[in-house]
Amino acid sequence: MGKMTGNQIKAARSLLGWTQARVAEASGVSIPTVKRAEGSGALSASPNAIAEICKALEDAGVVFIQENGGSIGVRLK
């Protein structure tokens, strides 16, 4: 997993139709932490919390697309 953005995390949650509470439950972090992770600009949650959130979203079928000559994004498997 490369550098993640708050918008990618929010988009991934949206693709799954999950609430912030569902992400928090699946990742073992608090709802306020999910909210901080989804903030615009620099991620303000801890790297460990971001990793747990991303793992939960990936386990649910999200693929995070890193910038590779194009734009960053998310998609479902």
PDB file of N, CA and C in Angstrom:
ATOM      1  N   MET A   1       0.853  -1.179   0.000  1.00  0.00           N
ATOM      2  CA  MET A   1       0.000   0.000   0.000  1.00  0.00           C
ATOM      3  C   MET A   1       0.891   1.232   0.000  1.00  0.00           C
ATOM      4  N   GLY A   2       0.650   2.108  -0.943  1.00  0.00           N
ATOM      5  CA  GLY A   2       1.427   3.335  -1.034  1.00  0.00           C
ATOM      6  C   GLY A   2       0.781   4.451  -0.231  1.00  0.00           C
ATOM      7  N   LYS A   3       1.069   5.660  -0.627  1.00  0.00           N
ATOM      8  CA  LYS A   3       0.505   6.817   0.047  1.00  0.00           C
ATOM      9  C   LYS A   3      -0.993   6.906  -0.243  1.00  0.00           C
ATOM     10  N   MET A   4      -1.774   7.022   0.797  1.00  0.00           N
ATOM     11  CA  MET A   4      -3.223   7.055   0.699  1.00  0.00           C
ATOM     12  C   MET A   4      -3.714   8.483   0.932  1.00  0.00           C
ATOM     13  N   THR A   5      -4.848   8.822   0.341  1.00  0.00           N
ATOM     14  CA  THR A   5      -5.450  10.131   0.599  1.00  0.00           C
ATOM     15  C   THR A   5      -6.790   9.943   1.301  1.00  0.00           C
ATOM     16  N   GLY A   6      -7.205  10.978   1.977  1.00  0.00           N
ATOM     17  CA  GLY A   6      -8.508  10.954   2.640  1.00  0.00           C
ATOM     18  C   GLY A   6      -9.643  10.757   1.651  1.00  0.00           C
ATOM     19  N   ASN A   7      -9.504  11.368   0.472  1.00  0.00           N
ATOM     20  CA  ASN A   7     -10.542  11.208  -0.546  1.00  0.00           C
ATOM     21  C   ASN A   7     -10.646   9.771  -1.031  1.00  0.00           C
ATOM     22  N   GLN A   8      -9.514   9.068  -1.125  1.00  0.00           N
ATOM     23  CA  GLN A   8      -9.549   7.659  -1.522  1.00  0.00           C
ATOM     24  C   GLN A   8     -10.271   6.820  -0.470  1.00  0.00           C
ATOM     25  N   ILE A   9     -10.004   7.081   0.786  1.00  0.00           N
ATOM     26  CA  ILE A   9     -10.656   6.332   1.858  1.00  0.00           C
ATOM     27  C   ILE A   9     -12.158   6.595   1.834  1.00  0.00           C
ATOM     28  N   LYS A  10     -12.529   7.845   1.681  1.00  0.00           N
ATOM     29  CA  LYS A  10     -13.955   8.200   1.616  1.00  0.00           C
ATOM     30  C   LYS A  10     -14.621   7.559   0.398  1.00  0.00           C
ATOM     31  N   ALA A  11     -13.957   7.582  -0.745  1.00  0.00           N
ATOM     32  CA  ALA A  11     -14.506   6.984  -1.961  1.00  0.00           C
ATOM     33  C   ALA A  11     -14.648   5.469  -1.808  1.00  0.00           C
ATOM     34  N   ALA A  12     -13.672   4.843  -1.179  1.00  0.00           N
ATOM     35  CA  ALA A  12     -13.732   3.399  -0.959  1.00  0.00           C
ATOM     36  C   ALA A  12     -14.933   3.044  -0.082  1.00  0.00           C
ATOM     37  N   ARG A  13     -15.124   3.810   0.961  1.00  0.00           N
ATOM     38  CA  ARG A  13     -16.273   3.587   1.851  1.00  0.00           C
ATOM     39  C   ARG A  13     -17.566   3.741   1.080  1.00  0.00           C
ATOM     40  N   SER A  14     -17.635   4.743   0.244  1.00  0.00           N
ATOM     41  CA  SER A  14     -18.830   5.001  -0.548  1.00  0.00           C
ATOM     42  C   SER A  14     -19.109   3.862  -1.531  1.00  0.00           C
ATOM     43  N   LEU A  15     -18.060   3.346  -2.181  1.00  0.00           N
ATOM     44  CA  LEU A  15     -18.233   2.234  -3.111  1.00  0.00           C
ATOM     45  C   LEU A  15     -18.851   1.018  -2.423  1.00  0.00           C
ATOM     46  N   LEU A  16     -18.476   0.808  -1.175  1.00  0.00           N
ATOM     47  CA  LEU A  16     -19.005  -0.326  -0.426  1.00  0.00           C
ATOM     48  C   LEU A  16     -20.381  -0.049   0.168  1.00  0.00           C
ATOM     49  N   GLY A  17     -20.773   1.229   0.194  1.00  0.00           N
ATOM     50  CA  GLY A  17     -22.035   1.597   0.829  1.00  0.00           C
ATOM     51  C   GLY A  17     -21.959   1.524   2.346  1.00  0.00           C
ATOM     52  N   TRP A  18     -20.750   1.692   2.876  1.00  0.00           N
ATOM     53  CA  TRP A  18     -20.523   1.608   4.313  1.00  0.00           C
ATOM     54  C   TRP A  18     -20.629   2.979   4.960  1.00  0.00           C
ATOM     55  N   THR A  19     -21.090   2.988   6.204  1.00  0.00           N
ATOM     56  CA  THR A  19     -21.068   4.197   7.024  1.00  0.00           C
ATOM     57  C   THR A  19     -19.695   4.300   7.685  1.00  0.00           C
ATOM     58  N   GLN A  20     -19.420   5.464   8.241  1.00  0.00           N
ATOM     59  CA  GLN A  20     -18.175   5.611   8.990  1.00  0.00           C
ATOM     60  C   GLN A  20     -18.162   4.658  10.179  1.00  0.00           C
ATOM     61  N   ALA A  21     -19.325   4.420  10.769  1.00  0.00           N
ATOM     62  CA  ALA A  21     -19.414   3.492  11.899  1.00  0.00           C
ATOM     63  C   ALA A  21     -19.048   2.074  11.459  1.00  0.00           C
ATOM     64  N   ARG A  22     -19.470   1.683  10.274  1.00  0.00           N
ATOM     65  CA  ARG A  22     -19.157   0.338   9.774  1.00  0.00           C
ATOM     66  C   ARG A  22     -17.656   0.203   9.522  1.00  0.00           C
ATOM     67  N   VAL A  23     -17.034   1.230   8.981  1.00  0.00           N
ATOM     68  CA  VAL A  23     -15.587   1.209   8.763  1.00  0.00           C
ATOM     69  C   VAL A  23     -14.863   1.117  10.107  1.00  0.00           C
ATOM     70  N   ALA A  24     -15.321   1.893  11.072  1.00  0.00           N
ATOM     71  CA  ALA A  24     -14.712   1.868  12.396  1.00  0.00           C
ATOM     72  C   ALA A  24     -14.804   0.469  13.003  1.00  0.00           C
ATOM     73  N   GLU A  25     -15.962  -0.144  12.899  1.00  0.00           N
ATOM     74  CA  GLU A  25     -16.160  -1.482  13.440  1.00  0.00           C
ATOM     75  C   GLU A  25     -15.251  -2.508  12.747  1.00  0.00           C
ATOM     76  N   ALA A  26     -15.201  -2.443  11.420  1.00  0.00           N
ATOM     77  CA  ALA A  26     -14.411  -3.407  10.649  1.00  0.00           C
ATOM     78  C   ALA A  26     -12.908  -3.245  10.868  1.00  0.00           C
ATOM     79  N   SER A  27     -12.483  -2.029  11.142  1.00  0.00           N
ATOM     80  CA  SER A  27     -11.049  -1.759  11.266  1.00  0.00           C
ATOM     81  C   SER A  27     -10.557  -1.709  12.707  1.00  0.00           C
ATOM     82  N   GLY A  28     -11.480  -1.643  13.659  1.00  0.00           N
ATOM     83  CA  GLY A  28     -11.082  -1.583  15.059  1.00  0.00           C
ATOM     84  C   GLY A  28     -10.593  -0.224  15.510  1.00  0.00           C
ATOM     85  N   VAL A  29     -10.991   0.813  14.791  1.00  0.00           N
ATOM     86  CA  VAL A  29     -10.649   2.181  15.202  1.00  0.00           C
ATOM     87  C   VAL A  29     -11.938   2.922  15.552  1.00  0.00           C
ATOM     88  N   SER A  30     -11.814   4.096  16.107  1.00  0.00           N
ATOM     89  CA  SER A  30     -12.995   4.861  16.501  1.00  0.00           C
ATOM     90  C   SER A  30     -13.592   5.621  15.308  1.00  0.00           C
ATOM     91  N   ILE A  31     -14.845   6.004  15.446  1.00  0.00           N
ATOM     92  CA  ILE A  31     -15.499   6.803  14.400  1.00  0.00           C
ATOM     93  C   ILE A  31     -14.769   8.128  14.198  1.00  0.00           C
ATOM     94  N   PRO A  32     -14.378   8.844  15.269  1.00  0.00           N
ATOM     95  CA  PRO A  32     -13.621  10.079  15.043  1.00  0.00           C
ATOM     96  C   PRO A  32     -12.319   9.853  14.267  1.00  0.00           C
ATOM     97  N   THR A  33     -11.694   8.690  14.454  1.00  0.00           N
ATOM     98  CA  THR A  33     -10.474   8.379  13.698  1.00  0.00           C
ATOM     99  C   THR A  33     -10.796   8.214  12.223  1.00  0.00           C
ATOM    100  N   VAL A  34     -11.906   7.547  11.909  1.00  0.00           N
ATOM    101  CA  VAL A  34     -12.326   7.404  10.514  1.00  0.00           C
ATOM    102  C   VAL A  34     -12.588   8.786   9.924  1.00  0.00           C
ATOM    103  N   LYS A  35     -13.256   9.645  10.671  1.00  0.00           N
ATOM    104  CA  LYS A  35     -13.534  11.003  10.188  1.00  0.00           C
ATOM    105  C   LYS A  35     -12.235  11.753   9.900  1.00  0.00           C
ATOM    106  N   ARG A  36     -11.257  11.610  10.789  1.00  0.00           N
ATOM    107  CA  ARG A  36      -9.958  12.273  10.557  1.00  0.00           C
ATOM    108  C   ARG A  36      -9.263  11.696   9.330  1.00  0.00           C
ATOM    109  N   ALA A  37      -9.371  10.384   9.144  1.00  0.00           N
ATOM    110  CA  ALA A  37      -8.736   9.738   7.998  1.00  0.00           C
ATOM    111  C   ALA A  37      -9.345  10.209   6.686  1.00  0.00           C
ATOM    112  N   GLU A  38     -10.625  10.541   6.695  1.00  0.00           N
ATOM    113  CA  GLU A  38     -11.311  10.976   5.485  1.00  0.00           C
ATOM    114  C   GLU A  38     -11.192  12.466   5.221  1.00  0.00           C
ATOM    115  N   GLY A  39     -10.527  13.182   6.082  1.00  0.00           N
ATOM    116  CA  GLY A  39     -10.405  14.624   5.910  1.00  0.00           C
ATOM    117  C   GLY A  39      -9.641  14.981   4.650  1.00  0.00           C
ATOM    118  N   SER A  40      -9.935  16.142   4.129  1.00  0.00           N
ATOM    119  CA  SER A  40      -9.208  16.594   2.941  1.00  0.00           C
ATOM    120  C   SER A  40      -7.823  17.061   3.362  1.00  0.00           C
ATOM    121  N   GLY A  41      -6.913  17.039   2.430  1.00  0.00           N
ATOM    122  CA  GLY A  41      -5.541  17.426   2.731  1.00  0.00           C
ATOM    123  C   GLY A  41      -4.781  16.265   3.326  1.00  0.00           C
ATOM    124  N   ALA A  42      -3.773  16.574   4.120  1.00  0.00           N
ATOM    125  CA  ALA A  42      -2.932  15.542   4.721  1.00  0.00           C
ATOM    126  C   ALA A  42      -3.740  14.703   5.706  1.00  0.00           C
ATOM    127  N   LEU A  43      -3.490  13.403   5.713  1.00  0.00           N
ATOM    128  CA  LEU A  43      -4.187  12.516   6.635  1.00  0.00           C
ATOM    129  C   LEU A  43      -3.789  12.867   8.059  1.00  0.00           C
ATOM    130  N   SER A  44      -4.787  13.006   8.930  1.00  0.00           N
ATOM    131  CA  SER A  44      -4.474  13.386  10.299  1.00  0.00           C
ATOM    132  C   SER A  44      -4.670  12.241  11.286  1.00  0.00           C
ATOM    133  N   ALA A  45      -4.929  11.046  10.802  1.00  0.00           N
ATOM    134  CA  ALA A  45      -4.975   9.871  11.661  1.00  0.00           C
ATOM    135  C   ALA A  45      -3.587   9.235  11.664  1.00  0.00           C
ATOM    136  N   SER A  46      -3.319   8.410  12.658  1.00  0.00           N
ATOM    137  CA  SER A  46      -1.999   7.784  12.755  1.00  0.00           C
ATOM    138  C   SER A  46      -1.776   6.806  11.601  1.00  0.00           C
ATOM    139  N   PRO A  47      -0.520   6.580  11.242  1.00  0.00           N
ATOM    140  CA  PRO A  47      -0.239   5.617  10.175  1.00  0.00           C
ATOM    141  C   PRO A  47      -0.812   4.227  10.460  1.00  0.00           C
ATOM    142  N   ASN A  48      -0.782   3.803  11.724  1.00  0.00           N
ATOM    143  CA  ASN A  48      -1.332   2.502  12.085  1.00  0.00           C
ATOM    144  C   ASN A  48      -2.846   2.477  11.854  1.00  0.00           C
ATOM    145  N   ALA A  49      -3.536   3.550  12.231  1.00  0.00           N
ATOM    146  CA  ALA A  49      -4.988   3.621  12.029  1.00  0.00           C
ATOM    147  C   ALA A  49      -5.321   3.620  10.541  1.00  0.00           C
ATOM    148  N   ILE A  50      -4.564   4.356   9.749  1.00  0.00           N
ATOM    149  CA  ILE A  50      -4.785   4.384   8.293  1.00  0.00           C
ATOM    150  C   ILE A  50      -4.606   2.980   7.727  1.00  0.00           C
ATOM    151  N   ALA A  51      -3.561   2.281   8.175  1.00  0.00           N
ATOM    152  CA  ALA A  51      -3.308   0.921   7.690  1.00  0.00           C
ATOM    153  C   ALA A  51      -4.465  -0.009   8.043  1.00  0.00           C
ATOM    154  N   GLU A  52      -5.005   0.106   9.253  1.00  0.00           N
ATOM    155  CA  GLU A  52      -6.119  -0.745   9.672  1.00  0.00           C
ATOM    156  C   GLU A  52      -7.388  -0.439   8.870  1.00  0.00           C
ATOM    157  N   ILE A  53      -7.632   0.838   8.631  1.00  0.00           N
ATOM    158  CA  ILE A  53      -8.805   1.239   7.837  1.00  0.00           C
ATOM    159  C   ILE A  53      -8.669   0.712   6.414  1.00  0.00           C
ATOM    160  N   CYS A  54      -7.508   0.913   5.816  1.00  0.00           N
ATOM    161  CA  CYS A  54      -7.292   0.463   4.439  1.00  0.00           C
ATOM    162  C   CYS A  54      -7.386  -1.052   4.333  1.00  0.00           C
ATOM    163  N   LYS A  55      -6.856  -1.765   5.316  1.00  0.00           N
ATOM    164  CA  LYS A  55      -6.938  -3.231   5.307  1.00  0.00           C
ATOM    165  C   LYS A  55      -8.388  -3.690   5.356  1.00  0.00           C
ATOM    166  N   ALA A  56      -9.193  -3.067   6.214  1.00  0.00           N
ATOM    167  CA  ALA A  56     -10.608  -3.440   6.319  1.00  0.00           C
ATOM    168  C   ALA A  56     -11.324  -3.193   4.993  1.00  0.00           C
ATOM    169  N   LEU A  57     -11.032  -2.073   4.354  1.00  0.00           N
ATOM    170  CA  LEU A  57     -11.670  -1.756   3.073  1.00  0.00           C
ATOM    171  C   LEU A  57     -11.193  -2.711   1.974  1.00  0.00           C
ATOM    172  N   GLU A  58      -9.918  -3.026   1.974  1.00  0.00           N
ATOM    173  CA  GLU A  58      -9.383  -3.967   0.986  1.00  0.00           C
ATOM    174  C   GLU A  58      -9.960  -5.366   1.199  1.00  0.00           C
ATOM    175  N   ASP A  59     -10.080  -5.778   2.458  1.00  0.00           N
ATOM    176  CA  ASP A  59     -10.664  -7.087   2.757  1.00  0.00           C
ATOM    177  C   ASP A  59     -12.107  -7.181   2.270  1.00  0.00           C
ATOM    178  N   ALA A  60     -12.772  -6.028   2.189  1.00  0.00           N
ATOM    179  CA  ALA A  60     -14.168  -5.979   1.719  1.00  0.00           C
ATOM    180  C   ALA A  60     -14.266  -5.885   0.197  1.00  0.00           C
ATOM    181  N   GLY A  61     -13.114  -5.796  -0.486  1.00  0.00           N
ATOM    182  CA  GLY A  61     -13.131  -5.808  -1.941  1.00  0.00           C
ATOM    183  C   GLY A  61     -12.674  -4.552  -2.643  1.00  0.00           C
ATOM    184  N   VAL A  62     -12.172  -3.587  -1.901  1.00  0.00           N
ATOM    185  CA  VAL A  62     -11.697  -2.344  -2.512  1.00  0.00           C
ATOM    186  C   VAL A  62     -10.246  -2.501  -2.958  1.00  0.00           C
ATOM    187  N   VAL A  63      -9.926  -1.934  -4.100  1.00  0.00           N
ATOM    188  CA  VAL A  63      -8.551  -1.858  -4.578  1.00  0.00           C
ATOM    189  C   VAL A  63      -8.184  -0.376  -4.642  1.00  0.00           C
ATOM    190  N   PHE A  64      -7.119  -0.010  -3.951  1.00  0.00           N
ATOM    191  CA  PHE A  64      -6.634   1.365  -3.990  1.00  0.00           C
ATOM    192  C   PHE A  64      -5.673   1.491  -5.165  1.00  0.00           C
ATOM    193  N   ILE A  65      -5.917   2.462  -6.028  1.00  0.00           N
ATOM    194  CA  ILE A  65      -5.098   2.676  -7.216  1.00  0.00           C
ATOM    195  C   ILE A  65      -4.158   3.843  -6.922  1.00  0.00           C
ATOM    196  N   GLN A  66      -2.867   3.548  -6.995  1.00  0.00           N
ATOM    197  CA  GLN A  66      -1.864   4.575  -6.741  1.00  0.00           C
ATOM    198  C   GLN A  66      -1.551   5.324  -8.028  1.00  0.00           C
ATOM    199  N   GLU A  67      -1.036   6.510  -7.874  1.00  0.00           N
ATOM    200  CA  GLU A  67      -0.655   7.304  -9.040  1.00  0.00           C
ATOM    201  C   GLU A  67       0.453   6.579  -9.791  1.00  0.00           C
ATOM    202  N   ASN A  68       0.204   6.256 -11.035  1.00  0.00           N
ATOM    203  CA  ASN A  68       1.181   5.531 -11.850  1.00  0.00           C
ATOM    204  C   ASN A  68       1.167   6.104 -13.254  1.00  0.00           C
ATOM    205  N   GLY A  69       1.330   7.383 -13.334  1.00  0.00           N
ATOM    206  CA  GLY A  69       1.259   8.049 -14.617  1.00  0.00           C
ATOM    207  C   GLY A  69      -0.138   8.590 -14.892  1.00  0.00           C
ATOM    208  N   GLY A  70      -1.066   8.241 -14.046  1.00  0.00           N
ATOM    209  CA  GLY A  70      -2.447   8.716 -14.156  1.00  0.00           C
ATOM    210  C   GLY A  70      -2.881   9.260 -12.820  1.00  0.00           C
ATOM    211  N   SER A  71      -4.135   9.147 -12.547  1.00  0.00           N
ATOM    212  CA  SER A  71      -4.681   9.657 -11.299  1.00  0.00           C
ATOM    213  C   SER A  71      -4.826   8.540 -10.271  1.00  0.00           C
ATOM    214  N   ILE A  72      -4.830   8.917  -8.997  1.00  0.00           N
ATOM    215  CA  ILE A  72      -5.117   7.962  -7.939  1.00  0.00           C
ATOM    216  C   ILE A  72      -6.606   7.696  -7.913  1.00  0.00           C
ATOM    217  N   GLY A  73      -7.008   6.602  -7.300  1.00  0.00           N
ATOM    218  CA  GLY A  73      -8.423   6.294  -7.234  1.00  0.00           C
ATOM    219  C   GLY A  73      -8.691   5.036  -6.445  1.00  0.00           C
ATOM    220  N   VAL A  74      -9.908   4.521  -6.572  1.00  0.00           N
ATOM    221  CA  VAL A  74     -10.318   3.268  -5.956  1.00  0.00           C
ATOM    222  C   VAL A  74     -11.252   2.550  -6.915  1.00  0.00           C
ATOM    223  N   ARG A  75     -11.324   1.235  -6.762  1.00  0.00           N
ATOM    224  CA  ARG A  75     -12.279   0.451  -7.528  1.00  0.00           C
ATOM    225  C   ARG A  75     -12.596  -0.788  -6.728  1.00  0.00           C
ATOM    226  N   LEU A  76     -13.619  -1.508  -7.141  1.00  0.00           N
ATOM    227  CA  LEU A  76     -13.947  -2.779  -6.504  1.00  0.00           C
ATOM    228  C   LEU A  76     -13.301  -3.898  -7.292  1.00  0.00           C
ATOM    229  N   LYS A  77     -12.921  -4.954  -6.593  1.00  0.00           N
ATOM    230  CA  LYS A  77     -12.329  -6.136  -7.245  1.00  0.00           C
ATOM    231  C   LYS A  77     -13.327  -6.738  -8.204  1.00  0.00           C
TER     232      LYS A  77
END
